Amino acid sequence: MAYSPNPAPTPTAQPPVKQGNGFGVTALVLGIFAILGFWLPLINISSIVLGALAIVFAIIGFAVARKREGAGNATAATGLVLGILAVGFALGWKIVIFDSAAEEAEQECLDAGASVEECASEAEELGEMEQQVEDLKDELAELVNSENGADQPADGGEPEQPADTENNPEQTEESAAPEEGAEETTE
């Protein structure tokens, strides 16, 4: 009996490489850290920043997931939810702590027999702290808006484009010259 030669091995199909969503995972991790640290006094402010970054990365993660036919959509959604919760809880916690601290400080000051002026100076210091928190909130909102591409004017119009004299043949040196009657200063 003759042995037949071994058949040539058939190539096996490689499973498709599963692509993840790095932006969605980043949003998820930042959201987890932000939600875990919102209640800690000094880490509270960094939780606001981490939460805002989680929101930004989640939005980018949604765009990436759309290009990849939905791959990584869940991680981006979870990161978005955690980021929103972290920012909301951190801001709420900050307001609750500052309000109760101000009331307690005022009551302790008056109970200790201090004058109204002394209590007012302490309240002024707390007011300065609250102002710093408000400034941080404003900076955070500006950061989130700039990261989300909100450089469009509030009136809904097109953003202004800088004049490109090198690539724009319609703009000549004459149109770029100063108006008549305007004096040029030379040093």
Protein backbone atom coordinates (compact mmCIF):
# COMPACT_ATOMS: atom_id res chain seq x y z
CA MET A 1 0.00 0.00 0.00
CA ALA A 2 1.32 3.31 -1.03
CA TYR A 3 1.16 6.29 1.19
CA SER A 4 -0.11 9.48 -0.26
CA PRO A 5 1.91 12.59 0.45
CA ASN A 6 0.64 14.86 3.18
CA PRO A 7 -1.69 17.47 1.82
CA ALA A 8 -0.43 21.02 1.89
CA PRO A 9 -1.59 22.85 4.98
CA THR A 10 -4.43 25.20 4.29
CA PRO A 11 -3.89 28.73 5.44
CA THR A 12 -6.06 29.58 8.42
CA ALA A 13 -7.92 32.81 8.40
CA GLN A 14 -6.62 35.26 10.96
CA PRO A 15 -9.32 36.77 13.13
CA PRO A 16 -9.71 40.47 12.48
CA VAL A 17 -7.70 42.67 14.79
CA LYS A 18 -10.02 44.15 17.32
CA GLN A 19 -9.49 47.88 17.46
CA GLY A 20 -10.09 49.63 20.75
CA ASN A 21 -10.96 53.22 21.40
CA GLY A 22 -8.06 54.84 23.23
CA PHE A 23 -9.94 58.09 23.72
CA GLY A 24 -12.91 56.27 25.23
CA VAL A 25 -10.65 54.33 27.59
CA THR A 26 -8.87 57.55 28.57
CA ALA A 27 -12.23 59.18 29.30
CA LEU A 28 -13.24 56.17 31.39
CA VAL A 29 -10.03 56.20 33.45
CA LEU A 30 -10.15 59.97 34.00
CA GLY A 31 -13.82 59.72 34.96
CA ILE A 32 -13.07 56.98 37.49
CA PHE A 33 -10.26 58.99 39.10
CA ALA A 34 -12.40 62.12 39.12
CA ILE A 35 -15.40 60.40 40.72
CA LEU A 36 -13.18 58.76 43.36
CA GLY A 37 -11.57 62.02 44.41
CA PHE A 38 -14.41 64.55 44.34
CA TRP A 39 -15.08 64.35 48.08
CA LEU A 40 -11.45 64.87 49.21
CA PRO A 41 -10.78 68.48 50.18
CA LEU A 42 -7.64 69.29 48.19
CA ILE A 43 -8.18 66.79 45.41
CA ASN A 44 -11.67 68.18 44.81
CA ILE A 45 -10.45 70.86 42.42
CA SER A 46 -8.35 68.37 40.46
CA SER A 47 -11.46 66.17 40.22
CA ILE A 48 -13.22 69.02 38.45
CA VAL A 49 -10.37 69.25 35.96
CA LEU A 50 -10.17 65.46 35.52
CA GLY A 51 -13.93 65.29 35.01
CA ALA A 52 -13.78 68.03 32.37
CA LEU A 53 -10.97 66.20 30.59
CA ALA A 54 -13.00 62.98 30.75
CA ILE A 55 -15.87 64.80 29.05
CA VAL A 56 -13.57 66.12 26.31
CA PHE A 57 -11.96 62.72 25.71
CA ALA A 58 -15.39 61.05 25.68
CA ILE A 59 -16.60 63.41 22.96
CA ILE A 60 -13.48 62.66 20.92
CA GLY A 61 -14.03 58.95 21.67
CA PHE A 62 -17.55 59.15 20.22
CA ALA A 63 -16.11 60.63 17.01
CA VAL A 64 -13.53 57.84 16.79
CA ALA A 65 -16.17 55.20 17.51
CA ARG A 66 -18.36 56.57 14.73
CA LYS A 67 -15.48 56.13 12.27
CA ARG A 68 -14.95 52.57 13.51
CA GLU A 69 -18.59 51.61 13.21
CA GLY A 70 -19.33 51.81 16.93
CA ALA A 71 -16.21 50.14 18.36
CA GLY A 72 -15.54 51.72 21.75
CA ASN A 73 -18.84 53.56 22.03
CA ALA A 74 -19.60 52.08 25.47
CA THR A 75 -16.31 53.15 27.03
CA ALA A 76 -16.75 56.69 25.71
CA ALA A 77 -20.33 56.80 27.04
CA THR A 78 -19.26 55.54 30.47
CA GLY A 79 -16.40 58.06 30.56
CA LEU A 80 -18.81 60.84 29.63
CA VAL A 81 -21.28 59.89 32.37
CA LEU A 82 -18.54 59.59 35.00
CA GLY A 83 -17.01 62.92 33.92
CA ILE A 84 -20.34 64.73 34.14
CA LEU A 85 -21.11 63.17 37.52
CA ALA A 86 -17.64 63.99 38.86
CA VAL A 87 -17.84 67.64 37.81
CA GLY A 88 -21.37 67.98 39.19
CA PHE A 89 -20.60 66.25 42.48
CA ALA A 90 -17.30 68.10 42.93
CA LEU A 91 -18.90 71.50 42.34
CA GLY A 92 -21.84 70.61 44.58
CA TRP A 93 -19.52 69.34 47.28
CA LYS A 94 -17.44 72.51 47.05
CA ILE A 95 -20.52 74.70 47.39
CA VAL A 96 -21.89 72.71 50.32
CA ILE A 97 -18.55 72.71 52.15
CA PHE A 98 -17.90 76.41 51.59
CA ASP A 99 -21.42 77.45 52.57
CA SER A 100 -21.47 75.39 55.74
CA ALA A 101 -17.91 76.43 56.61
CA ALA A 102 -18.85 80.10 56.24
CA GLU A 103 -21.89 79.72 58.47
CA GLU A 104 -19.94 77.77 61.09
CA ALA A 105 -17.07 80.26 61.07
CA GLU A 106 -19.45 83.18 61.50
CA GLN A 107 -21.29 81.48 64.36
CA GLU A 108 -18.05 80.45 66.12
CA CYS A 109 -16.70 83.96 65.70
CA LEU A 110 -19.78 85.50 67.30
CA ASP A 111 -19.91 82.82 70.03
CA ALA A 112 -16.28 83.55 70.92
CA GLY A 113 -17.24 87.12 71.70
CA ALA A 114 -15.43 88.70 68.78
CA SER A 115 -16.64 91.97 67.41
CA VAL A 116 -18.70 92.17 64.26
CA GLU A 117 -15.73 93.79 62.46
CA GLU A 118 -13.46 90.85 63.28
CA CYS A 119 -16.10 88.43 62.09
CA ALA A 120 -16.54 90.48 58.93
CA SER A 121 -12.82 90.25 58.14
CA GLU A 122 -12.99 86.46 58.49
CA ALA A 123 -16.06 86.38 56.26
CA GLU A 124 -14.20 88.51 53.73
CA GLU A 125 -11.40 85.93 53.63
CA LEU A 126 -13.96 83.19 52.98
CA GLY A 127 -15.51 85.36 50.28
CA GLU A 128 -12.11 85.63 48.60
CA MET A 129 -11.84 81.84 48.65
CA GLU A 130 -15.28 81.54 47.08
CA GLN A 131 -14.21 84.02 44.40
CA GLN A 132 -11.16 81.86 43.66
CA VAL A 133 -13.47 78.86 43.24
CA GLU A 134 -15.68 80.86 40.86
CA ASP A 135 -12.60 81.90 38.88
CA LEU A 136 -11.56 78.25 38.62
CA LYS A 137 -15.04 77.33 37.40
CA ASP A 138 -14.83 80.03 34.71
CA GLU A 139 -11.38 78.86 33.61
CA LEU A 140 -12.67 75.28 33.47
CA ALA A 141 -15.64 76.29 31.36
CA GLU A 142 -13.32 78.15 28.97
CA LEU A 143 -11.04 75.10 28.78
CA VAL A 144 -13.93 72.77 28.01
CA ASN A 145 -15.33 75.16 25.40
CA SER A 146 -11.95 75.54 23.70
CA GLU A 147 -11.41 71.75 23.68
CA ASN A 148 -14.88 71.17 22.19
CA GLY A 149 -14.15 73.50 19.28
CA ALA A 150 -16.31 76.31 20.54
CA ASP A 151 -14.18 78.94 18.83
CA GLN A 152 -17.18 80.00 16.81
CA PRO A 153 -18.80 83.32 17.66
CA ALA A 154 -21.81 83.27 19.97
CA ASP A 155 -24.03 84.72 17.23
CA GLY A 156 -23.78 81.46 15.28
CA GLY A 157 -21.82 83.00 12.40
CA GLU A 158 -18.68 81.73 10.81
CA PRO A 159 -15.42 82.14 12.74
CA GLU A 160 -13.21 84.87 11.37
CA GLN A 161 -10.39 83.62 9.17
CA PRO A 162 -7.09 85.50 9.12
CA ALA A 163 -6.25 87.16 5.85
CA ASP A 164 -3.86 85.04 3.82
CA THR A 165 -2.10 87.49 1.53
CA GLU A 166 0.34 84.92 0.20
CA ASN A 167 -2.26 82.47 -1.14
CA ASN A 168 -5.07 84.91 -1.90
CA PRO A 169 -4.57 86.51 -5.35
CA GLU A 170 -7.54 88.84 -4.82
CA GLN A 171 -5.81 90.70 -2.02
CA THR A 172 -3.08 92.91 -3.43
CA GLU A 173 -0.56 95.13 -1.79
CA GLU A 174 -2.78 98.11 -2.60
CA SER A 175 -5.70 96.70 -0.59
CA ALA A 176 -3.35 95.97 2.30
CA ALA A 177 -2.01 99.55 2.25
CA PRO A 178 -3.20 101.94 4.95
CA GLU A 179 -6.12 104.22 4.28
CA GLU A 180 -5.59 107.66 2.81
CA GLY A 181 -4.96 110.31 5.39
CA ALA A 182 -3.43 107.84 7.83
CA GLU A 183 0.04 108.87 8.79
CA GLU A 184 2.80 106.33 8.90
CA THR A 185 5.25 106.60 11.73
CA THR A 186 8.90 105.82 11.10
CA GLU A 187 11.63 105.65 13.62
